[in-house]
Protein backbone atom coordinates (compact mmCIF):
# COMPACT_ATOMS: atom_id res chain seq x y z
CA MET A 1 9.24 -45.50 -2.39
CA ARG A 2 9.45 -49.22 -2.52
CA ARG A 3 8.41 -51.32 -5.51
CA ILE A 4 5.48 -53.72 -5.31
CA ALA A 5 6.17 -57.40 -5.90
CA VAL A 6 6.37 -58.74 -9.43
CA GLU A 7 3.09 -60.26 -10.66
CA GLY A 8 2.90 -62.31 -13.81
CA GLY A 9 6.42 -61.40 -14.94
CA ARG A 10 6.12 -57.58 -14.70
CA GLU A 11 6.40 -54.98 -11.97
CA ARG A 12 3.23 -53.25 -10.89
CA GLY A 13 4.75 -49.93 -9.81
CA THR A 14 4.63 -48.01 -6.56
CA ALA A 15 1.67 -48.09 -4.25
CA ARG A 16 1.07 -44.34 -4.70
CA GLN A 17 1.02 -44.62 -8.52
CA GLU A 18 -1.48 -47.45 -8.38
CA HIS A 19 -3.68 -45.55 -5.95
CA GLU A 20 -3.66 -42.45 -8.16
CA CYS A 21 -4.37 -44.48 -11.30
CA GLY A 22 -7.29 -46.20 -9.58
CA GLU A 23 -8.83 -42.84 -8.62
CA ALA A 24 -8.41 -41.51 -12.15
CA GLN A 25 -10.14 -44.55 -13.59
CA ARG A 26 -13.08 -44.20 -11.23
CA GLU A 27 -13.59 -40.55 -12.16
CA ARG A 28 -13.82 -41.19 -15.90
CA PRO A 29 -17.15 -42.61 -17.08
CA GLN A 30 -16.60 -45.77 -19.10
CA GLY A 31 -20.06 -45.95 -20.64
CA GLY A 32 -21.31 -48.57 -18.20
CA ALA A 33 -24.74 -48.68 -16.64
CA GLY A 34 -23.76 -46.20 -13.95
CA ALA A 35 -22.71 -43.55 -16.47
CA LEU A 36 -26.11 -43.12 -18.15
CA GLY A 37 -27.23 -39.57 -18.64
CA GLU A 38 -30.78 -38.41 -19.12
CA GLU A 39 -30.38 -38.40 -22.92
CA ASP A 40 -28.97 -41.93 -22.97
CA ALA A 41 -31.83 -43.19 -20.82
CA MET A 42 -34.37 -41.53 -23.12
CA SER A 43 -32.65 -42.99 -26.19
CA LYS A 44 -32.70 -46.46 -24.69
CA GLY A 45 -36.35 -46.04 -23.74
CA LEU A 46 -37.28 -44.93 -27.27
CA ASN A 47 -35.32 -47.82 -28.71
CA VAL A 48 -37.05 -50.38 -26.49
CA LEU A 49 -40.47 -48.86 -27.23
CA GLY A 50 -39.70 -49.01 -30.95
CA LEU A 51 -38.69 -52.66 -30.69
CA LEU A 52 -41.87 -53.53 -28.79
CA LEU A 53 -44.01 -51.73 -31.37
CA ASN A 54 -42.23 -53.59 -34.17
CA LEU A 55 -42.84 -56.90 -32.42
CA ALA A 56 -46.52 -56.15 -31.83
CA GLY A 57 -46.95 -54.99 -35.44
CA VAL A 58 -45.37 -58.14 -36.85
CA VAL A 59 -47.55 -60.37 -34.65
CA VAL A 60 -50.72 -58.48 -35.67
CA LEU A 61 -49.78 -58.69 -39.36
CA PHE A 62 -49.02 -62.40 -38.99
CA LEU A 63 -52.43 -63.03 -37.43
CA PHE A 64 -54.60 -60.80 -39.65
CA GLY A 65 -52.60 -60.36 -42.85
CA MET A 66 -51.69 -57.35 -44.92
CA PRO A 67 -54.49 -54.83 -45.30
CA LEU A 68 -54.25 -54.65 -49.10
CA ARG A 69 -55.00 -58.08 -50.49
CA VAL A 70 -55.68 -59.29 -53.98
CA PRO A 71 -57.48 -62.62 -54.22
CA PRO A 72 -55.47 -65.54 -55.66
CA GLY A 73 -57.50 -65.40 -58.91
CA GLY A 74 -56.10 -61.94 -59.58
CA LYS A 75 -59.46 -60.16 -59.73
CA VAL A 76 -60.43 -57.47 -57.28
CA VAL A 77 -63.98 -58.13 -56.18
CA THR A 78 -66.21 -55.45 -54.75
CA TRP A 79 -68.59 -56.32 -51.94
CA THR A 80 -72.21 -56.64 -52.83
CA MET A 81 -74.95 -57.73 -50.48
CA ALA A 82 -76.23 -60.36 -52.88
CA SER A 83 -72.90 -62.16 -53.15
CA ILE A 84 -71.71 -62.35 -49.53
CA ASP A 85 -73.01 -62.61 -46.02
CA LEU A 86 -72.91 -59.45 -43.88
CA GLN A 87 -70.91 -61.12 -41.08
CA VAL A 88 -68.18 -62.23 -43.50
CA LYS A 89 -67.89 -58.65 -44.75
CA LYS A 90 -67.62 -57.35 -41.17
CA LEU A 91 -64.95 -59.92 -40.37
CA ASP A 92 -62.97 -58.91 -43.45
CA ASP A 93 -63.33 -55.21 -42.57
CA VAL A 94 -62.08 -55.82 -39.00
CA SER A 95 -59.19 -57.86 -40.38
CA GLY A 96 -58.30 -55.01 -42.74
CA VAL A 97 -58.37 -52.43 -39.92
CA LEU A 98 -56.19 -54.63 -37.69
CA GLY A 99 -53.81 -55.11 -40.62
CA TRP A 100 -53.46 -51.33 -40.96
CA ILE A 101 -52.88 -51.03 -37.21
CA GLY A 102 -50.12 -53.67 -37.39
CA LEU A 103 -48.49 -51.97 -40.38
CA SER A 104 -48.67 -48.59 -38.63
CA ALA A 105 -47.09 -50.07 -35.49
CA ILE A 106 -44.15 -51.36 -37.52
CA VAL A 107 -43.62 -47.98 -39.21
CA LEU A 108 -43.95 -46.08 -35.91
CA GLY A 109 -41.57 -48.48 -34.15
CA THR A 110 -38.98 -48.03 -36.89
CA LEU A 111 -39.29 -44.24 -36.70
CA LEU A 112 -38.81 -44.34 -32.91
CA GLN A 113 -35.64 -46.40 -33.34
CA VAL A 114 -34.30 -43.96 -35.92
CA TRP A 115 -35.11 -41.03 -33.61
CA ALA A 116 -33.34 -42.74 -30.69
CA THR A 117 -30.26 -43.37 -32.83
CA LEU A 118 -30.10 -39.81 -34.17
CA GLU A 119 -30.58 -38.38 -30.68
CA ARG A 120 -27.39 -40.08 -29.43
CA ARG A 121 -25.21 -38.33 -32.00
């Protein structure tokens, strides 16, 4: 067999050796996008879903606040009809529920990411 020309200061080898090496490299999966199995696709899907839930939870918590709040004065005040308007109480109740939803989304998103990571191993 004849040798291939020198490239960059080193010989490349015979044409047959290079052809065989190229076939061997194509047969081995390198972990690229084409080598995804069903488990890897599910793990990536769970990971992306977890990230989206975390993002949504953080945005909801930023907008509506944590569900358990103590007023700046340090006293916990109970709602009485004489001291507060009914609509203000409803608004605070909705804000509390949305805060719990945001906190739950963050916890669920984190659990999905942990599950996706453990599933790969």
